[in-house]
Amino acid sequence: MVRSNPIADTPSTNLSEWIGNCMVTVEDVDMVYENNGFMNAFKNCITRNHSISPIPIMKLKNTIYVYEYDGWEKLESTTHIHVLTRDIWRKFLRLHMQTPVDPLLEDDMRDMQRKCILEMRQKLYEVKKNRMELCRWVMKIDS
């Protein structure tokens, strides 16, 4: 149905390329350390990158479609949201690990920060309530 719709333009990038180009900042990582800030940090990262290069999604009759290699596909939480959270979380983790340790920061605090980053993916995707919130938020990203 989407393939035959003349309104559906072909985006310049697919979802995998968009995720690959997605940039995570130190401010995003710092937001994760806040009390349950993982969702806000993730949304902030996606929103900022979406303003630079639009995420390849389209809403048609209350259904969200995502552009992949072989065309438009219905957004699925078990595949697309999983890939989105997993791959962007890896960027959060990589930036956290590459950031030099503040010598004034106690070891216990650094361990807590690492724990927050490591639990981020699990909390975003494996907790059904959070996964559904993320799906609903993605549906409204351009609204």
C-alpha atoms as a PDB file:
ATOM      1  CA  MET A   1       0.000   0.000   0.000  1.00  0.00           C
ATOM      2  CA  VAL A   2       2.790   2.403   0.858  1.00  0.00           C
ATOM      3  CA  ARG A   3       4.779   1.493  -2.257  1.00  0.00           C
ATOM      4  CA  SER A   4       1.891   2.510  -4.498  1.00  0.00           C
ATOM      5  CA  ASN A   5       1.234   5.757  -2.634  1.00  0.00           C
ATOM      6  CA  PRO A   6       2.608   8.684  -4.695  1.00  0.00           C
ATOM      7  CA  ILE A   7       2.845  10.837  -1.550  1.00  0.00           C
ATOM      8  CA  ALA A   8       5.466   8.554  -0.027  1.00  0.00           C
ATOM      9  CA  ASP A   9       8.770  10.040  -1.101  1.00  0.00           C
ATOM     10  CA  THR A  10      11.862   7.911  -0.907  1.00  0.00           C
ATOM     11  CA  PRO A  11      14.085   9.286   1.876  1.00  0.00           C
ATOM     12  CA  SER A  12      17.761   9.879   1.221  1.00  0.00           C
ATOM     13  CA  THR A  13      18.729   7.396   3.963  1.00  0.00           C
ATOM     14  CA  ASN A  14      17.215   4.256   5.397  1.00  0.00           C
ATOM     15  CA  LEU A  15      16.855   3.575   9.110  1.00  0.00           C
ATOM     16  CA  SER A  16      20.156   1.690   9.405  1.00  0.00           C
ATOM     17  CA  GLU A  17      22.091   4.506   7.730  1.00  0.00           C
ATOM     18  CA  TRP A  18      20.312   7.084   9.879  1.00  0.00           C
ATOM     19  CA  ILE A  19      21.283   5.205  13.039  1.00  0.00           C
ATOM     20  CA  GLY A  20      24.852   4.949  11.749  1.00  0.00           C
ATOM     21  CA  ASN A  21      24.976   8.721  11.275  1.00  0.00           C
ATOM     22  CA  CYS A  22      23.349   9.415  14.649  1.00  0.00           C
ATOM     23  CA  MET A  23      25.665  11.295  17.000  1.00  0.00           C
ATOM     24  CA  VAL A  24      25.594  10.959  20.797  1.00  0.00           C
ATOM     25  CA  THR A  25      26.995  13.879  22.791  1.00  0.00           C
ATOM     26  CA  VAL A  26      28.525  14.107  26.250  1.00  0.00           C
ATOM     27  CA  GLU A  27      25.395  15.989  27.358  1.00  0.00           C
ATOM     28  CA  ASP A  28      23.275  12.986  26.320  1.00  0.00           C
ATOM     29  CA  VAL A  29      25.464  10.659  28.359  1.00  0.00           C
ATOM     30  CA  ASP A  30      25.326  13.007  31.341  1.00  0.00           C
ATOM     31  CA  MET A  31      21.521  12.938  31.172  1.00  0.00           C
ATOM     32  CA  VAL A  32      21.582   9.157  31.658  1.00  0.00           C
ATOM     33  CA  TYR A  33      23.319   9.601  35.021  1.00  0.00           C
ATOM     34  CA  GLU A  34      20.407  11.655  36.323  1.00  0.00           C
ATOM     35  CA  ASN A  35      17.683   9.876  38.250  1.00  0.00           C
ATOM     36  CA  ASN A  36      16.036   7.616  35.614  1.00  0.00           C
ATOM     37  CA  GLY A  37      17.248   9.950  32.852  1.00  0.00           C
ATOM     38  CA  PHE A  38      17.797   7.172  30.321  1.00  0.00           C
ATOM     39  CA  MET A  39      14.531   7.851  28.443  1.00  0.00           C
ATOM     40  CA  ASN A  40      15.056  11.620  28.318  1.00  0.00           C
ATOM     41  CA  ALA A  41      18.640  11.159  27.159  1.00  0.00           C
ATOM     42  CA  PHE A  42      17.564   8.770  24.413  1.00  0.00           C
ATOM     43  CA  LYS A  43      14.739  11.026  23.240  1.00  0.00           C
ATOM     44  CA  ASN A  44      17.004  14.083  23.345  1.00  0.00           C
ATOM     45  CA  CYS A  45      19.591  12.306  21.201  1.00  0.00           C
ATOM     46  CA  ILE A  46      17.020  11.198  18.620  1.00  0.00           C
ATOM     47  CA  THR A  47      15.318  14.617  18.532  1.00  0.00           C
ATOM     48  CA  ARG A  48      18.603  16.446  17.997  1.00  0.00           C
ATOM     49  CA  ASN A  49      19.673  14.076  15.225  1.00  0.00           C
ATOM     50  CA  HIS A  50      16.187  14.211  13.678  1.00  0.00           C
ATOM     51  CA  SER A  51      16.481  18.007  13.424  1.00  0.00           C
ATOM     52  CA  ILE A  52      19.762  17.570  11.510  1.00  0.00           C
ATOM     53  CA  SER A  53      18.607  14.706   9.287  1.00  0.00           C
ATOM     54  CA  PRO A  54      14.983  13.526   9.481  1.00  0.00           C
ATOM     55  CA  ILE A  55      14.496   9.974  10.684  1.00  0.00           C
ATOM     56  CA  PRO A  56      13.078   7.969   7.746  1.00  0.00           C
ATOM     57  CA  ILE A  57       9.581   7.381   9.099  1.00  0.00           C
ATOM     58  CA  MET A  58       6.157   8.157   7.720  1.00  0.00           C
ATOM     59  CA  LYS A  59       2.714   8.098   9.309  1.00  0.00           C
ATOM     60  CA  LEU A  60      -0.098   6.853   7.111  1.00  0.00           C
ATOM     61  CA  LYS A  61      -3.586   6.145   8.487  1.00  0.00           C
ATOM     62  CA  ASN A  62      -2.402   5.891  12.113  1.00  0.00           C
ATOM     63  CA  THR A  63       0.338   3.446  11.172  1.00  0.00           C
ATOM     64  CA  ILE A  64       4.015   4.282  11.239  1.00  0.00           C
ATOM     65  CA  TYR A  65       6.249   3.054   8.449  1.00  0.00           C
ATOM     66  CA  VAL A  66      10.014   3.071   8.446  1.00  0.00           C
ATOM     67  CA  TYR A  67      12.191   3.141   5.349  1.00  0.00           C
ATOM     68  CA  GLU A  68      14.567   0.191   5.107  1.00  0.00           C
ATOM     69  CA  TYR A  69      16.751  -1.252   2.333  1.00  0.00           C
ATOM     70  CA  ASP A  70      13.860  -2.830   0.435  1.00  0.00           C
ATOM     71  CA  GLY A  71      11.340  -0.005   0.899  1.00  0.00           C
ATOM     72  CA  TRP A  72       8.769   1.069   3.452  1.00  0.00           C
ATOM     73  CA  GLU A  73       7.979  -1.385   6.255  1.00  0.00           C
ATOM     74  CA  LYS A  74       5.533  -1.170   9.122  1.00  0.00           C
ATOM     75  CA  LEU A  75       7.337  -0.076  12.302  1.00  0.00           C
ATOM     76  CA  GLU A  76       7.680  -3.078  14.599  1.00  0.00           C
ATOM     77  CA  SER A  77       8.765  -2.797  18.224  1.00  0.00           C
ATOM     78  CA  THR A  78      10.385  -6.229  18.077  1.00  0.00           C
ATOM     79  CA  THR A  79      12.641  -5.359  15.159  1.00  0.00           C
ATOM     80  CA  HIS A  80      12.955  -1.656  14.366  1.00  0.00           C
ATOM     81  CA  ILE A  81      12.701  -0.320  17.912  1.00  0.00           C
ATOM     82  CA  HIS A  82      15.062  -3.056  19.076  1.00  0.00           C
ATOM     83  CA  VAL A  83      17.672  -2.087  16.471  1.00  0.00           C
ATOM     84  CA  LEU A  84      17.196   1.607  17.223  1.00  0.00           C
ATOM     85  CA  THR A  85      17.680   1.178  20.976  1.00  0.00           C
ATOM     86  CA  ARG A  86      20.500  -1.351  20.674  1.00  0.00           C
ATOM     87  CA  ASP A  87      22.607   0.568  18.174  1.00  0.00           C
ATOM     88  CA  ILE A  88      22.153   4.015  19.690  1.00  0.00           C
ATOM     89  CA  TRP A  89      22.773   2.556  23.164  1.00  0.00           C
ATOM     90  CA  ARG A  90      26.089   1.199  21.869  1.00  0.00           C
ATOM     91  CA  LYS A  91      27.028   4.751  20.926  1.00  0.00           C
ATOM     92  CA  PHE A  92      26.151   5.910  24.449  1.00  0.00           C
ATOM     93  CA  LEU A  93      28.298   3.117  25.872  1.00  0.00           C
ATOM     94  CA  ARG A  94      31.219   3.836  23.526  1.00  0.00           C
ATOM     95  CA  LEU A  95      31.203   7.544  24.415  1.00  0.00           C
ATOM     96  CA  HIS A  96      30.976   6.737  28.139  1.00  0.00           C
ATOM     97  CA  MET A  97      33.954   4.372  27.878  1.00  0.00           C
ATOM     98  CA  GLN A  98      36.026   6.870  25.837  1.00  0.00           C
ATOM     99  CA  THR A  99      35.398   9.787  28.162  1.00  0.00           C
ATOM    100  CA  PRO A 100      38.385  10.331  30.450  1.00  0.00           C
ATOM    101  CA  VAL A 101      37.706   9.676  34.108  1.00  0.00           C
ATOM    102  CA  ASP A 102      37.374  12.816  36.194  1.00  0.00           C
ATOM    103  CA  PRO A 103      40.098  12.543  38.877  1.00  0.00           C
ATOM    104  CA  LEU A 104      37.778  14.241  41.391  1.00  0.00           C
ATOM    105  CA  LEU A 105      35.090  11.603  40.846  1.00  0.00           C
ATOM    106  CA  GLU A 106      35.053   8.807  43.380  1.00  0.00           C
ATOM    107  CA  ASP A 107      35.324   5.215  42.143  1.00  0.00           C
ATOM    108  CA  ASP A 108      31.897   4.372  43.531  1.00  0.00           C
ATOM    109  CA  MET A 109      30.317   7.209  41.568  1.00  0.00           C
ATOM    110  CA  ARG A 110      32.055   6.143  38.338  1.00  0.00           C
ATOM    111  CA  ASP A 111      30.784   2.600  38.931  1.00  0.00           C
ATOM    112  CA  MET A 112      27.247   3.920  39.386  1.00  0.00           C
ATOM    113  CA  GLN A 113      27.537   5.879  36.144  1.00  0.00           C
ATOM    114  CA  ARG A 114      28.739   2.779  34.298  1.00  0.00           C
ATOM    115  CA  LYS A 115      25.848   0.809  35.791  1.00  0.00           C
ATOM    116  CA  CYS A 116      23.357   3.438  34.549  1.00  0.00           C
ATOM    117  CA  ILE A 117      24.759   3.240  31.024  1.00  0.00           C
ATOM    118  CA  LEU A 118      24.821  -0.564  31.027  1.00  0.00           C
ATOM    119  CA  GLU A 119      21.216  -0.794  32.246  1.00  0.00           C
ATOM    120  CA  MET A 120      19.983   1.785  29.744  1.00  0.00           C
ATOM    121  CA  ARG A 121      19.351  -0.646  26.874  1.00  0.00           C
ATOM    122  CA  GLN A 122      17.615  -3.124  29.140  1.00  0.00           C
ATOM    123  CA  LYS A 123      15.356  -0.452  30.607  1.00  0.00           C
ATOM    124  CA  LEU A 124      14.562   1.059  27.210  1.00  0.00           C
ATOM    125  CA  TYR A 125      13.744  -2.113  25.340  1.00  0.00           C
ATOM    126  CA  GLU A 126      13.134  -5.021  27.687  1.00  0.00           C
ATOM    127  CA  VAL A 127      10.707  -3.157  29.958  1.00  0.00           C
ATOM    128  CA  LYS A 128       7.456  -3.314  27.981  1.00  0.00           C
ATOM    129  CA  LYS A 129       6.083  -0.048  29.403  1.00  0.00           C
ATOM    130  CA  ASN A 130       9.199   1.856  28.309  1.00  0.00           C
ATOM    131  CA  ARG A 131       9.281   0.154  24.882  1.00  0.00           C
ATOM    132  CA  MET A 132       5.639   1.105  24.288  1.00  0.00           C
ATOM    133  CA  GLU A 133       6.314   4.682  25.426  1.00  0.00           C
ATOM    134  CA  LEU A 134       9.201   4.846  22.975  1.00  0.00           C
ATOM    135  CA  CYS A 135       6.992   3.525  20.161  1.00  0.00           C
ATOM    136  CA  ARG A 136       4.283   6.103  20.910  1.00  0.00           C
ATOM    137  CA  TRP A 137       6.890   8.858  21.096  1.00  0.00           C
ATOM    138  CA  VAL A 138       8.397   7.862  17.718  1.00  0.00           C
ATOM    139  CA  MET A 139       4.884   8.009  16.218  1.00  0.00           C
ATOM    140  CA  LYS A 140       4.605  11.641  17.332  1.00  0.00           C
ATOM    141  CA  ILE A 141       8.150  12.770  16.558  1.00  0.00           C
ATOM    142  CA  ASP A 142       7.039  15.105  13.746  1.00  0.00           C
ATOM    143  CA  SER A 143       3.738  16.176  15.304  1.00  0.00           C
END
